[in-house]
């Protein structure tokens, strides 16, 4: 059976941090706000999807659990309606380790979310600090443990080539993602986007991109 994601982008709106590499509006190619009628987007996408296709609604592009909790709940309710109507099979989202707690996980669980993609990026505190991630390795461990406790599928996102990172750091991050119980991973190369702090680091010779 084919699988299709219907991506609902919430660019940077839920994130109060500014990592050196990040510009979600450039990455996602839109400036949509979170407080909108996502049903229009979902209905349009569903009209293009063939029968006998496994469909998933995916909240991507930012830290979904960092947006206003009432708005997050409403968006989950809107998506869950399609699950209840058997139009889509599941819901997934991406977020940061420091935007996970029991209250948030309960809201997500009650509204049909099955998969959480966690922006781990690196399990080296040195690399997290150099990338201005704004959280600790302990935050990562705690978030992974809670997500698994609530029986979500956990995907650990990691980035290679971050500032101050070594191949040893990246191998350890990969091993930690396995050890933290992740069901899958996404591996992203660090790309220098115009207008980010990482571009300034590049210009000053403080950062050398991977070849």
Protein backbone atom coordinates (compact mmCIF):
# COMPACT_ATOMS: atom_id res chain seq x y z
CA UNK A 1 0.00 0.00 0.00
CA UNK A 2 1.26 3.47 -0.87
CA UNK A 3 1.80 5.98 1.92
CA UNK A 4 1.18 9.73 1.59
CA UNK A 5 1.78 12.54 4.08
CA UNK A 6 -0.38 15.64 3.99
CA UNK A 7 2.07 18.25 5.34
CA UNK A 8 0.65 21.11 7.39
CA UNK A 9 3.48 23.60 7.84
CA UNK A 10 3.67 25.72 10.99
CA UNK A 11 6.89 27.63 10.18
CA UNK A 12 8.84 28.61 13.30
CA UNK A 13 5.71 29.91 15.00
CA UNK A 14 5.94 27.54 17.94
CA UNK A 15 9.65 28.06 18.49
CA UNK A 16 10.87 30.81 20.79
CA UNK A 17 14.49 29.89 20.04
CA UNK A 18 16.74 30.84 17.15
CA UNK A 19 19.22 28.12 16.23
CA UNK A 20 22.18 29.26 14.14
CA UNK A 21 21.14 27.15 11.12
CA UNK A 22 17.40 27.76 11.12
CA UNK A 23 15.10 29.69 8.82
CA UNK A 24 11.87 27.70 8.64
CA UNK A 25 10.16 30.14 6.30
CA UNK A 26 12.90 29.62 3.71
CA UNK A 27 12.97 25.86 4.26
CA UNK A 28 9.21 25.39 3.93
CA UNK A 29 8.67 28.03 1.27
CA UNK A 30 5.67 29.67 2.91
CA UNK A 31 4.66 32.27 5.48
CA UNK A 32 1.42 30.68 6.65
CA UNK A 33 0.39 31.24 10.25
CA UNK A 34 -0.73 28.44 12.57
CA UNK A 35 -4.13 30.00 13.29
CA UNK A 36 -5.80 29.08 10.01
CA UNK A 37 -8.36 26.67 8.59
CA UNK A 38 -6.24 23.58 7.91
CA UNK A 39 -9.31 21.66 6.74
CA UNK A 40 -9.11 23.50 3.41
CA UNK A 41 -5.56 22.21 2.89
CA UNK A 42 -6.44 18.69 3.98
CA UNK A 43 -9.53 18.51 1.76
CA UNK A 44 -7.58 19.77 -1.24
CA UNK A 45 -4.83 17.19 -0.68
CA UNK A 46 -7.31 14.35 -0.17
CA UNK A 47 -8.96 15.17 -3.50
CA UNK A 48 -5.67 14.32 -5.26
CA UNK A 49 -4.90 11.06 -3.45
CA UNK A 50 -5.76 7.71 -5.00
CA UNK A 51 -7.89 5.15 -3.19
CA UNK A 52 -6.11 2.38 -1.27
CA UNK A 53 -3.47 4.85 -0.08
CA UNK A 54 -2.42 5.10 3.56
CA UNK A 55 -2.75 8.80 4.44
CA UNK A 56 -1.18 10.64 7.34
CA UNK A 57 -1.55 14.29 8.42
CA UNK A 58 1.84 15.71 9.40
CA UNK A 59 2.39 18.96 11.31
CA UNK A 60 5.86 19.99 10.13
CA UNK A 61 8.02 23.08 9.78
CA UNK A 62 8.34 24.21 13.36
CA UNK A 63 7.93 23.22 16.98
CA UNK A 64 4.28 22.22 16.96
CA UNK A 65 3.97 21.71 20.71
CA UNK A 66 5.42 25.16 21.35
CA UNK A 67 2.49 27.07 19.86
CA UNK A 68 -0.35 28.34 22.05
CA UNK A 69 -1.84 25.28 23.75
CA UNK A 70 -5.44 26.15 22.86
CA UNK A 71 -4.45 26.58 19.20
CA UNK A 72 -2.43 23.35 19.24
CA UNK A 73 -5.44 21.52 20.66
CA UNK A 74 -7.77 22.98 18.03
CA UNK A 75 -5.45 21.98 15.19
CA UNK A 76 -5.21 18.45 16.60
CA UNK A 77 -9.00 18.30 16.90
CA UNK A 78 -9.36 19.36 13.26
CA UNK A 79 -6.92 16.67 12.13
CA UNK A 80 -8.45 14.02 14.39
CA UNK A 81 -11.82 14.58 12.72
CA UNK A 82 -10.36 13.07 9.54
CA UNK A 83 -9.06 10.07 11.50
CA UNK A 84 -12.52 9.51 13.01
CA UNK A 85 -14.05 9.73 9.53
CA UNK A 86 -11.53 7.11 8.27
CA UNK A 87 -10.21 9.56 5.70
CA UNK A 88 -6.69 9.46 7.14
CA UNK A 89 -4.99 6.79 9.23
CA UNK A 90 -2.82 8.80 11.60
CA UNK A 91 -1.29 12.11 12.68
CA UNK A 92 2.39 12.95 13.21
CA UNK A 93 4.24 16.10 14.24
CA UNK A 94 7.71 17.48 14.83
CA UNK A 95 8.87 19.45 17.85
CA UNK A 96 11.76 20.27 20.22
CA UNK A 97 12.82 18.26 23.30
CA UNK A 98 12.14 21.17 25.66
CA UNK A 99 8.54 21.52 24.42
CA UNK A 100 7.46 18.12 25.72
CA UNK A 101 5.69 17.46 29.03
CA UNK A 102 2.97 15.18 30.37
CA UNK A 103 0.14 17.64 29.77
CA UNK A 104 1.15 18.11 26.12
CA UNK A 105 1.53 14.36 25.55
CA UNK A 106 -1.91 13.71 27.06
CA UNK A 107 -3.48 16.25 24.70
CA UNK A 108 -1.77 14.64 21.70
CA UNK A 109 -2.63 11.09 22.77
CA UNK A 110 -6.32 11.91 23.20
CA UNK A 111 -6.43 13.37 19.70
CA UNK A 112 -4.98 10.56 17.65
CA UNK A 113 -1.35 11.60 17.29
CA UNK A 114 0.73 8.46 16.74
CA UNK A 115 4.22 9.69 15.81
CA UNK A 116 6.41 12.41 17.30
CA UNK A 117 9.55 13.52 15.48
CA UNK A 118 11.93 15.02 18.00
CA UNK A 119 14.59 17.51 16.92
CA UNK A 120 17.49 15.91 18.78
CA UNK A 121 20.11 17.14 16.27
CA UNK A 122 23.05 16.21 18.53
CA UNK A 123 23.62 14.62 21.93
CA UNK A 124 26.84 16.58 22.46
CA UNK A 125 26.27 19.54 24.77
CA UNK A 126 29.23 21.27 23.12
CA UNK A 127 27.48 21.04 19.73
CA UNK A 128 24.08 22.06 21.14
CA UNK A 129 25.68 25.16 22.68
CA UNK A 130 27.56 26.08 19.50
CA UNK A 131 24.33 25.72 17.52
CA UNK A 132 22.40 27.85 20.05
CA UNK A 133 19.81 25.11 20.51
CA UNK A 134 18.75 26.46 23.89
CA UNK A 135 18.28 23.11 25.65
CA UNK A 136 20.41 20.42 27.25
CA UNK A 137 21.19 16.78 26.56
CA UNK A 138 19.17 15.99 29.69
CA UNK A 139 16.15 17.64 28.06
CA UNK A 140 16.57 15.23 25.14
CA UNK A 141 16.75 12.17 27.40
CA UNK A 142 13.73 13.29 29.43
CA UNK A 143 11.63 14.00 26.32
CA UNK A 144 12.47 10.65 24.73
CA UNK A 145 11.63 8.80 27.94
CA UNK A 146 8.26 10.56 28.30
CA UNK A 147 7.31 10.05 24.66
CA UNK A 148 8.04 6.32 24.92
CA UNK A 149 6.18 6.12 28.23
CA UNK A 150 3.07 7.43 26.45
CA UNK A 151 3.56 4.83 23.69
CA UNK A 152 4.11 7.16 20.75
CA UNK A 153 6.28 6.15 17.82
CA UNK A 154 9.41 8.24 18.31
CA UNK A 155 11.56 9.49 15.44
CA UNK A 156 14.89 11.05 16.38
CA UNK A 157 15.97 13.79 13.99
CA UNK A 158 19.74 14.35 13.87
CA UNK A 159 21.95 16.77 11.95
CA UNK A 160 25.45 16.13 10.66
CA UNK A 161 27.99 18.90 10.14
CA UNK A 162 26.79 21.22 12.92
CA UNK A 163 29.21 23.78 14.39
CA UNK A 164 31.87 22.14 16.61
CA UNK A 165 30.66 18.65 15.70
CA UNK A 166 33.08 15.81 15.00
CA UNK A 167 32.48 12.44 13.40
CA UNK A 168 32.77 10.96 16.89
CA UNK A 169 29.98 13.28 18.11
CA UNK A 170 27.77 12.19 15.25
CA UNK A 171 28.40 8.48 15.76
CA UNK A 172 27.54 8.92 19.45
CA UNK A 173 24.36 10.82 18.53
CA UNK A 174 23.32 7.98 16.23
CA UNK A 175 24.01 5.44 18.98
CA UNK A 176 22.12 7.53 21.54
CA UNK A 177 19.10 7.75 19.22
CA UNK A 178 19.04 3.95 19.21
CA UNK A 179 19.61 3.74 22.97
CA UNK A 180 16.84 6.27 23.70
CA UNK A 181 14.34 3.88 22.10
CA UNK A 182 13.62 5.74 18.88
CA UNK A 183 11.60 3.78 16.31
CA UNK A 184 13.22 5.63 13.41
CA UNK A 185 15.40 8.56 12.48
CA UNK A 186 15.82 11.33 9.95
CA UNK A 187 19.36 12.45 9.19
CA UNK A 188 19.78 16.00 7.86
CA UNK A 189 22.95 17.62 6.55
CA UNK A 190 23.62 21.12 7.84
CA UNK A 191 23.02 23.63 5.03
CA UNK A 192 23.99 27.30 5.28
CA UNK A 193 20.94 29.45 4.54
CA UNK A 194 21.24 33.10 3.64
CA UNK A 195 20.32 35.40 6.51
CA UNK A 196 21.02 32.91 9.31
CA UNK A 197 23.63 33.32 12.03
CA UNK A 198 25.40 30.34 10.49
CA UNK A 199 26.01 32.43 7.37
CA UNK A 200 27.75 35.05 9.54
CA UNK A 201 29.84 32.31 11.15
CA UNK A 202 30.81 31.11 7.66
CA UNK A 203 31.79 34.60 6.55
CA UNK A 204 33.96 35.08 9.66
CA UNK A 205 35.65 31.72 9.20
CA UNK A 206 34.06 30.32 12.36
CA UNK A 207 32.24 27.56 10.48
CA UNK A 208 33.40 25.29 7.67
CA UNK A 209 30.62 23.39 5.87
CA UNK A 210 30.91 19.74 4.96
CA UNK A 211 32.05 19.02 1.41
